[in-house]
Amino acid sequence: MIVVPIKEGDNIERALKKLKRKFEKTGVVKELRERQKFTKPSVINRERRLKAIYVQHLRQQQLDN
């Protein structure tokens, strides 16, 4: 459960912003979306490998410039 401490006289909008930020940091929505569909482990590994290649390529470009 996410608990957001609110000080006396705090604005409701500010408290909602804090709640949304904490909610996003916990990754609940991301996990729910991942659980809605099954992805084969080979596909997950392929995506990770492609992402690593992409990041490595970007870093190499940064070093070249």
PDB file of N, CA and C in Angstrom:
ATOM      1  N   MET A   1       0.836  -1.164   0.000  1.00  0.00           N
ATOM      2  CA  MET A   1       0.000   0.000   0.000  1.00  0.00           C
ATOM      3  C   MET A   1       0.889   1.237   0.000  1.00  0.00           C
ATOM      4  N   ILE A   2       0.517   2.217  -0.794  1.00  0.00           N
ATOM      5  CA  ILE A   2       1.279   3.451  -0.895  1.00  0.00           C
ATOM      6  C   ILE A   2       0.718   4.467   0.082  1.00  0.00           C
ATOM      7  N   VAL A   3       1.595   5.012   0.918  1.00  0.00           N
ATOM      8  CA  VAL A   3       1.189   5.995   1.910  1.00  0.00           C
ATOM      9  C   VAL A   3       1.856   7.318   1.564  1.00  0.00           C
ATOM     10  N   VAL A   4       1.052   8.375   1.505  1.00  0.00           N
ATOM     11  CA  VAL A   4       1.573   9.709   1.208  1.00  0.00           C
ATOM     12  C   VAL A   4       1.298  10.594   2.414  1.00  0.00           C
ATOM     13  N   PRO A   5       2.370  10.998   3.115  1.00  0.00           N
ATOM     14  CA  PRO A   5       2.154  11.887   4.262  1.00  0.00           C
ATOM     15  C   PRO A   5       1.763  13.280   3.787  1.00  0.00           C
ATOM     16  N   ILE A   6       0.712  13.815   4.379  1.00  0.00           N
ATOM     17  CA  ILE A   6       0.214  15.135   4.009  1.00  0.00           C
ATOM     18  C   ILE A   6       0.302  16.037   5.233  1.00  0.00           C
ATOM     19  N   LYS A   7       0.888  17.204   5.029  1.00  0.00           N
ATOM     20  CA  LYS A   7       1.007  18.161   6.120  1.00  0.00           C
ATOM     21  C   LYS A   7      -0.293  18.948   6.242  1.00  0.00           C
ATOM     22  N   GLU A   8      -0.478  19.526   7.395  1.00  0.00           N
ATOM     23  CA  GLU A   8      -1.676  20.327   7.641  1.00  0.00           C
ATOM     24  C   GLU A   8      -1.690  21.524   6.700  1.00  0.00           C
ATOM     25  N   GLY A   9      -2.801  21.714   5.990  1.00  0.00           N
ATOM     26  CA  GLY A   9      -2.934  22.831   5.072  1.00  0.00           C
ATOM     27  C   GLY A   9      -2.341  22.576   3.696  1.00  0.00           C
ATOM     28  N   ASP A  10      -1.908  21.323   3.421  1.00  0.00           N
ATOM     29  CA  ASP A  10      -1.358  20.984   2.106  1.00  0.00           C
ATOM     30  C   ASP A  10      -2.466  20.953   1.062  1.00  0.00           C
ATOM     31  N   ASN A  11      -2.119  21.305  -0.141  1.00  0.00           N
ATOM     32  CA  ASN A  11      -3.056  21.330  -1.245  1.00  0.00           C
ATOM     33  C   ASN A  11      -3.360  19.896  -1.698  1.00  0.00           C
ATOM     34  N   ILE A  12      -4.587  19.617  -2.074  1.00  0.00           N
ATOM     35  CA  ILE A  12      -4.976  18.274  -2.516  1.00  0.00           C
ATOM     36  C   ILE A  12      -4.273  17.913  -3.819  1.00  0.00           C
ATOM     37  N   GLU A  13      -4.138  18.894  -4.719  1.00  0.00           N
ATOM     38  CA  GLU A  13      -3.468  18.637  -5.994  1.00  0.00           C
ATOM     39  C   GLU A  13      -2.023  18.214  -5.774  1.00  0.00           C
ATOM     40  N   ARG A  14      -1.364  18.852  -4.824  1.00  0.00           N
ATOM     41  CA  ARG A  14       0.025  18.509  -4.520  1.00  0.00           C
ATOM     42  C   ARG A  14       0.115  17.088  -3.957  1.00  0.00           C
ATOM     43  N   ALA A  15      -0.831  16.730  -3.112  1.00  0.00           N
ATOM     44  CA  ALA A  15      -0.852  15.376  -2.545  1.00  0.00           C
ATOM     45  C   ALA A  15      -1.087  14.342  -3.644  1.00  0.00           C
ATOM     46  N   LEU A  16      -1.976  14.659  -4.597  1.00  0.00           N
ATOM     47  CA  LEU A  16      -2.213  13.744  -5.706  1.00  0.00           C
ATOM     48  C   LEU A  16      -0.971  13.585  -6.567  1.00  0.00           C
ATOM     49  N   LYS A  17      -0.234  14.665  -6.780  1.00  0.00           N
ATOM     50  CA  LYS A  17       1.014  14.587  -7.546  1.00  0.00           C
ATOM     51  C   LYS A  17       2.006  13.671  -6.858  1.00  0.00           C
ATOM     52  N   LYS A  18       2.113  13.812  -5.533  1.00  0.00           N
ATOM     53  CA  LYS A  18       3.020  12.955  -4.767  1.00  0.00           C
ATOM     54  C   LYS A  18       2.616  11.494  -4.904  1.00  0.00           C
ATOM     55  N   LEU A  19       1.318  11.235  -4.815  1.00  0.00           N
ATOM     56  CA  LEU A  19       0.812   9.868  -4.932  1.00  0.00           C
ATOM     57  C   LEU A  19       1.130   9.298  -6.302  1.00  0.00           C
ATOM     58  N   LYS A  20       0.899  10.079  -7.354  1.00  0.00           N
ATOM     59  CA  LYS A  20       1.179   9.606  -8.715  1.00  0.00           C
ATOM     60  C   LYS A  20       2.657   9.306  -8.896  1.00  0.00           C
ATOM     61  N   ARG A  21       3.519  10.175  -8.376  1.00  0.00           N
ATOM     62  CA  ARG A  21       4.962   9.962  -8.488  1.00  0.00           C
ATOM     63  C   ARG A  21       5.388   8.676  -7.787  1.00  0.00           C
ATOM     64  N   LYS A  22       4.881   8.462  -6.580  1.00  0.00           N
ATOM     65  CA  LYS A  22       5.226   7.251  -5.837  1.00  0.00           C
ATOM     66  C   LYS A  22       4.709   6.014  -6.568  1.00  0.00           C
ATOM     67  N   PHE A  23       3.512   6.129  -7.114  1.00  0.00           N
ATOM     68  CA  PHE A  23       2.897   5.014  -7.833  1.00  0.00           C
ATOM     69  C   PHE A  23       3.727   4.637  -9.043  1.00  0.00           C
ATOM     70  N   GLU A  24       4.231   5.638  -9.781  1.00  0.00           N
ATOM     71  CA  GLU A  24       5.052   5.367 -10.953  1.00  0.00           C
ATOM     72  C   GLU A  24       6.388   4.756 -10.566  1.00  0.00           C
ATOM     73  N   LYS A  25       6.967   5.206  -9.462  1.00  0.00           N
ATOM     74  CA  LYS A  25       8.262   4.698  -9.029  1.00  0.00           C
ATOM     75  C   LYS A  25       8.189   3.229  -8.626  1.00  0.00           C
ATOM     76  N   THR A  26       7.051   2.796  -8.102  1.00  0.00           N
ATOM     77  CA  THR A  26       6.938   1.403  -7.689  1.00  0.00           C
ATOM     78  C   THR A  26       6.838   0.469  -8.883  1.00  0.00           C
ATOM     79  N   GLY A  27       6.402   0.964 -10.044  1.00  0.00           N
ATOM     80  CA  GLY A  27       6.356   0.143 -11.251  1.00  0.00           C
ATOM     81  C   GLY A  27       5.157  -0.783 -11.314  1.00  0.00           C
ATOM     82  N   VAL A  28       4.102  -0.474 -10.606  1.00  0.00           N
ATOM     83  CA  VAL A  28       2.922  -1.332 -10.562  1.00  0.00           C
ATOM     84  C   VAL A  28       2.248  -1.414 -11.924  1.00  0.00           C
ATOM     85  N   VAL A  29       2.088  -0.277 -12.575  1.00  0.00           N
ATOM     86  CA  VAL A  29       1.396  -0.246 -13.866  1.00  0.00           C
ATOM     87  C   VAL A  29       2.206  -1.004 -14.914  1.00  0.00           C
ATOM     88  N   LYS A  30       3.514  -0.811 -14.887  1.00  0.00           N
ATOM     89  CA  LYS A  30       4.393  -1.493 -15.844  1.00  0.00           C
ATOM     90  C   LYS A  30       4.289  -3.012 -15.669  1.00  0.00           C
ATOM     91  N   GLU A  31       4.288  -3.459 -14.427  1.00  0.00           N
ATOM     92  CA  GLU A  31       4.190  -4.895 -14.155  1.00  0.00           C
ATOM     93  C   GLU A  31       2.834  -5.446 -14.596  1.00  0.00           C
ATOM     94  N   LEU A  32       1.766  -4.690 -14.374  1.00  0.00           N
ATOM     95  CA  LEU A  32       0.442  -5.135 -14.801  1.00  0.00           C
ATOM     96  C   LEU A  32       0.387  -5.313 -16.312  1.00  0.00           C
ATOM     97  N   ARG A  33       0.962  -4.367 -17.039  1.00  0.00           N
ATOM     98  CA  ARG A  33       0.968  -4.465 -18.506  1.00  0.00           C
ATOM     99  C   ARG A  33       1.763  -5.662 -18.974  1.00  0.00           C
ATOM    100  N   GLU A  34       2.886  -5.943 -18.300  1.00  0.00           N
ATOM    101  CA  GLU A  34       3.697  -7.101 -18.672  1.00  0.00           C
ATOM    102  C   GLU A  34       2.957  -8.407 -18.398  1.00  0.00           C
ATOM    103  N   ARG A  35       2.172  -8.441 -17.355  1.00  0.00           N
ATOM    104  CA  ARG A  35       1.467  -9.674 -16.987  1.00  0.00           C
ATOM    105  C   ARG A  35       0.237  -9.939 -17.852  1.00  0.00           C
ATOM    106  N   GLN A  36      -0.213  -8.953 -18.613  1.00  0.00           N
ATOM    107  CA  GLN A  36      -1.394  -9.145 -19.439  1.00  0.00           C
ATOM    108  C   GLN A  36      -1.130 -10.080 -20.602  1.00  0.00           C
ATOM    109  N   LYS A  37       0.118 -10.161 -21.039  1.00  0.00           N
ATOM    110  CA  LYS A  37       0.437 -11.030 -22.164  1.00  0.00           C
ATOM    111  C   LYS A  37       1.658 -11.866 -21.813  1.00  0.00           C
ATOM    112  N   PHE A  38       1.748 -13.034 -22.443  1.00  0.00           N
ATOM    113  CA  PHE A  38       2.891 -13.903 -22.233  1.00  0.00           C
ATOM    114  C   PHE A  38       3.891 -13.671 -23.350  1.00  0.00           C
ATOM    115  N   THR A  39       5.138 -13.470 -22.981  1.00  0.00           N
ATOM    116  CA  THR A  39       6.201 -13.297 -23.963  1.00  0.00           C
ATOM    117  C   THR A  39       7.200 -14.427 -23.765  1.00  0.00           C
ATOM    118  N   LYS A  40       7.520 -15.089 -24.858  1.00  0.00           N
ATOM    119  CA  LYS A  40       8.455 -16.202 -24.781  1.00  0.00           C
ATOM    120  C   LYS A  40       9.818 -15.711 -24.318  1.00  0.00           C
ATOM    121  N   PRO A  41      10.520 -16.540 -23.556  1.00  0.00           N
ATOM    122  CA  PRO A  41      11.844 -16.134 -23.076  1.00  0.00           C
ATOM    123  C   PRO A  41      12.815 -15.813 -24.212  1.00  0.00           C
ATOM    124  N   SER A  42      12.692 -16.524 -25.331  1.00  0.00           N
ATOM    125  CA  SER A  42      13.593 -16.247 -26.455  1.00  0.00           C
ATOM    126  C   SER A  42      13.339 -14.847 -27.021  1.00  0.00           C
ATOM    127  N   VAL A  43      12.094 -14.423 -27.028  1.00  0.00           N
ATOM    128  CA  VAL A  43      11.764 -13.088 -27.523  1.00  0.00           C
ATOM    129  C   VAL A  43      12.296 -12.029 -26.560  1.00  0.00           C
ATOM    130  N   ILE A  44      12.178 -12.280 -25.266  1.00  0.00           N
ATOM    131  CA  ILE A  44      12.694 -11.347 -24.261  1.00  0.00           C
ATOM    132  C   ILE A  44      14.201 -11.208 -24.411  1.00  0.00           C
ATOM    133  N   ASN A  45      14.889 -12.349 -24.577  1.00  0.00           N
ATOM    134  CA  ASN A  45      16.347 -12.305 -24.739  1.00  0.00           C
ATOM    135  C   ASN A  45      16.735 -11.546 -26.003  1.00  0.00           C
ATOM    136  N   ARG A  46      16.000 -11.761 -27.083  1.00  0.00           N
ATOM    137  CA  ARG A  46      16.292 -11.069 -28.332  1.00  0.00           C
ATOM    138  C   ARG A  46      16.129  -9.562 -28.167  1.00  0.00           C
ATOM    139  N   GLU A  47      15.040  -9.153 -27.498  1.00  0.00           N
ATOM    140  CA  GLU A  47      14.805  -7.719 -27.275  1.00  0.00           C
ATOM    141  C   GLU A  47      15.909  -7.106 -26.422  1.00  0.00           C
ATOM    142  N   ARG A  48      16.346  -7.825 -25.388  1.00  0.00           N
ATOM    143  CA  ARG A  48      17.431  -7.327 -24.538  1.00  0.00           C
ATOM    144  C   ARG A  48      18.718  -7.184 -25.330  1.00  0.00           C
ATOM    145  N   ARG A  49      19.001  -8.182 -26.170  1.00  0.00           N
ATOM    146  CA  ARG A  49      20.218  -8.154 -26.970  1.00  0.00           C
ATOM    147  C   ARG A  49      20.201  -6.974 -27.947  1.00  0.00           C
ATOM    148  N   LEU A  50      19.050  -6.772 -28.614  1.00  0.00           N
ATOM    149  CA  LEU A  50      18.937  -5.657 -29.557  1.00  0.00           C
ATOM    150  C   LEU A  50      19.070  -4.313 -28.858  1.00  0.00           C
ATOM    151  N   LYS A  51      18.503  -4.204 -27.660  1.00  0.00           N
ATOM    152  CA  LYS A  51      18.609  -2.961 -26.904  1.00  0.00           C
ATOM    153  C   LYS A  51      20.060  -2.711 -26.500  1.00  0.00           C
ATOM    154  N   ALA A  52      20.763  -3.765 -26.089  1.00  0.00           N
ATOM    155  CA  ALA A  52      22.167  -3.617 -25.696  1.00  0.00           C
ATOM    156  C   ALA A  52      23.013  -3.187 -26.889  1.00  0.00           C
ATOM    157  N   ILE A  53      22.740  -3.755 -28.058  1.00  0.00           N
ATOM    158  CA  ILE A  53      23.468  -3.365 -29.269  1.00  0.00           C
ATOM    159  C   ILE A  53      23.199  -1.909 -29.598  1.00  0.00           C
ATOM    160  N   TYR A  54      21.949  -1.497 -29.487  1.00  0.00           N
ATOM    161  CA  TYR A  54      21.564  -0.119 -29.771  1.00  0.00           C
ATOM    162  C   TYR A  54      22.271   0.857 -28.827  1.00  0.00           C
ATOM    163  N   VAL A  55      22.269   0.543 -27.539  1.00  0.00           N
ATOM    164  CA  VAL A  55      22.905   1.410 -26.546  1.00  0.00           C
ATOM    165  C   VAL A  55      24.409   1.469 -26.788  1.00  0.00           C
ATOM    166  N   GLN A  56      24.995   0.326 -27.102  1.00  0.00           N
ATOM    167  CA  GLN A  56      26.425   0.283 -27.368  1.00  0.00           C
ATOM    168  C   GLN A  56      26.761   1.140 -28.592  1.00  0.00           C
ATOM    169  N   HIS A  57      25.925   1.078 -29.602  1.00  0.00           N
ATOM    170  CA  HIS A  57      26.118   1.879 -30.810  1.00  0.00           C
ATOM    171  C   HIS A  57      26.038   3.373 -30.480  1.00  0.00           C
ATOM    172  N   LEU A  58      25.072   3.764 -29.654  1.00  0.00           N
ATOM    173  CA  LEU A  58      24.937   5.177 -29.258  1.00  0.00           C
ATOM    174  C   LEU A  58      26.171   5.645 -28.481  1.00  0.00           C
ATOM    175  N   ARG A  59      26.665   4.827 -27.574  1.00  0.00           N
ATOM    176  CA  ARG A  59      27.835   5.197 -26.786  1.00  0.00           C
ATOM    177  C   ARG A  59      29.075   5.322 -27.662  1.00  0.00           C
ATOM    178  N   GLN A  60      29.173   4.423 -28.635  1.00  0.00           N
ATOM    179  CA  GLN A  60      30.303   4.485 -29.550  1.00  0.00           C
ATOM    180  C   GLN A  60      30.263   5.772 -30.375  1.00  0.00           C
ATOM    181  N   GLN A  61      29.050   6.183 -30.783  1.00  0.00           N
ATOM    182  CA  GLN A  61      28.901   7.436 -31.524  1.00  0.00           C
ATOM    183  C   GLN A  61      29.297   8.631 -30.662  1.00  0.00           C
ATOM    184  N   GLN A  62      28.962   8.577 -29.380  1.00  0.00           N
ATOM    185  CA  GLN A  62      29.311   9.665 -28.473  1.00  0.00           C
ATOM    186  C   GLN A  62      30.822   9.795 -28.338  1.00  0.00           C
ATOM    187  N   LEU A  63      31.504   8.658 -28.271  1.00  0.00           N
ATOM    188  CA  LEU A  63      32.955   8.682 -28.129  1.00  0.00           C
ATOM    189  C   LEU A  63      33.630   9.188 -29.396  1.00  0.00           C
ATOM    190  N   ASP A  64      33.051   8.894 -30.541  1.00  0.00           N
ATOM    191  CA  ASP A  64      33.629   9.311 -31.804  1.00  0.00           C
ATOM    192  C   ASP A  64      33.504  10.828 -32.008  1.00  0.00           C
ATOM    193  N   ASN A  65      32.483  11.427 -31.467  1.00  0.00           N
ATOM    194  CA  ASN A  65      32.268  12.876 -31.663  1.00  0.00           C
ATOM    195  C   ASN A  65      33.089  13.701 -30.761  1.00  0.00           C
TER     196      ASN A  65
END
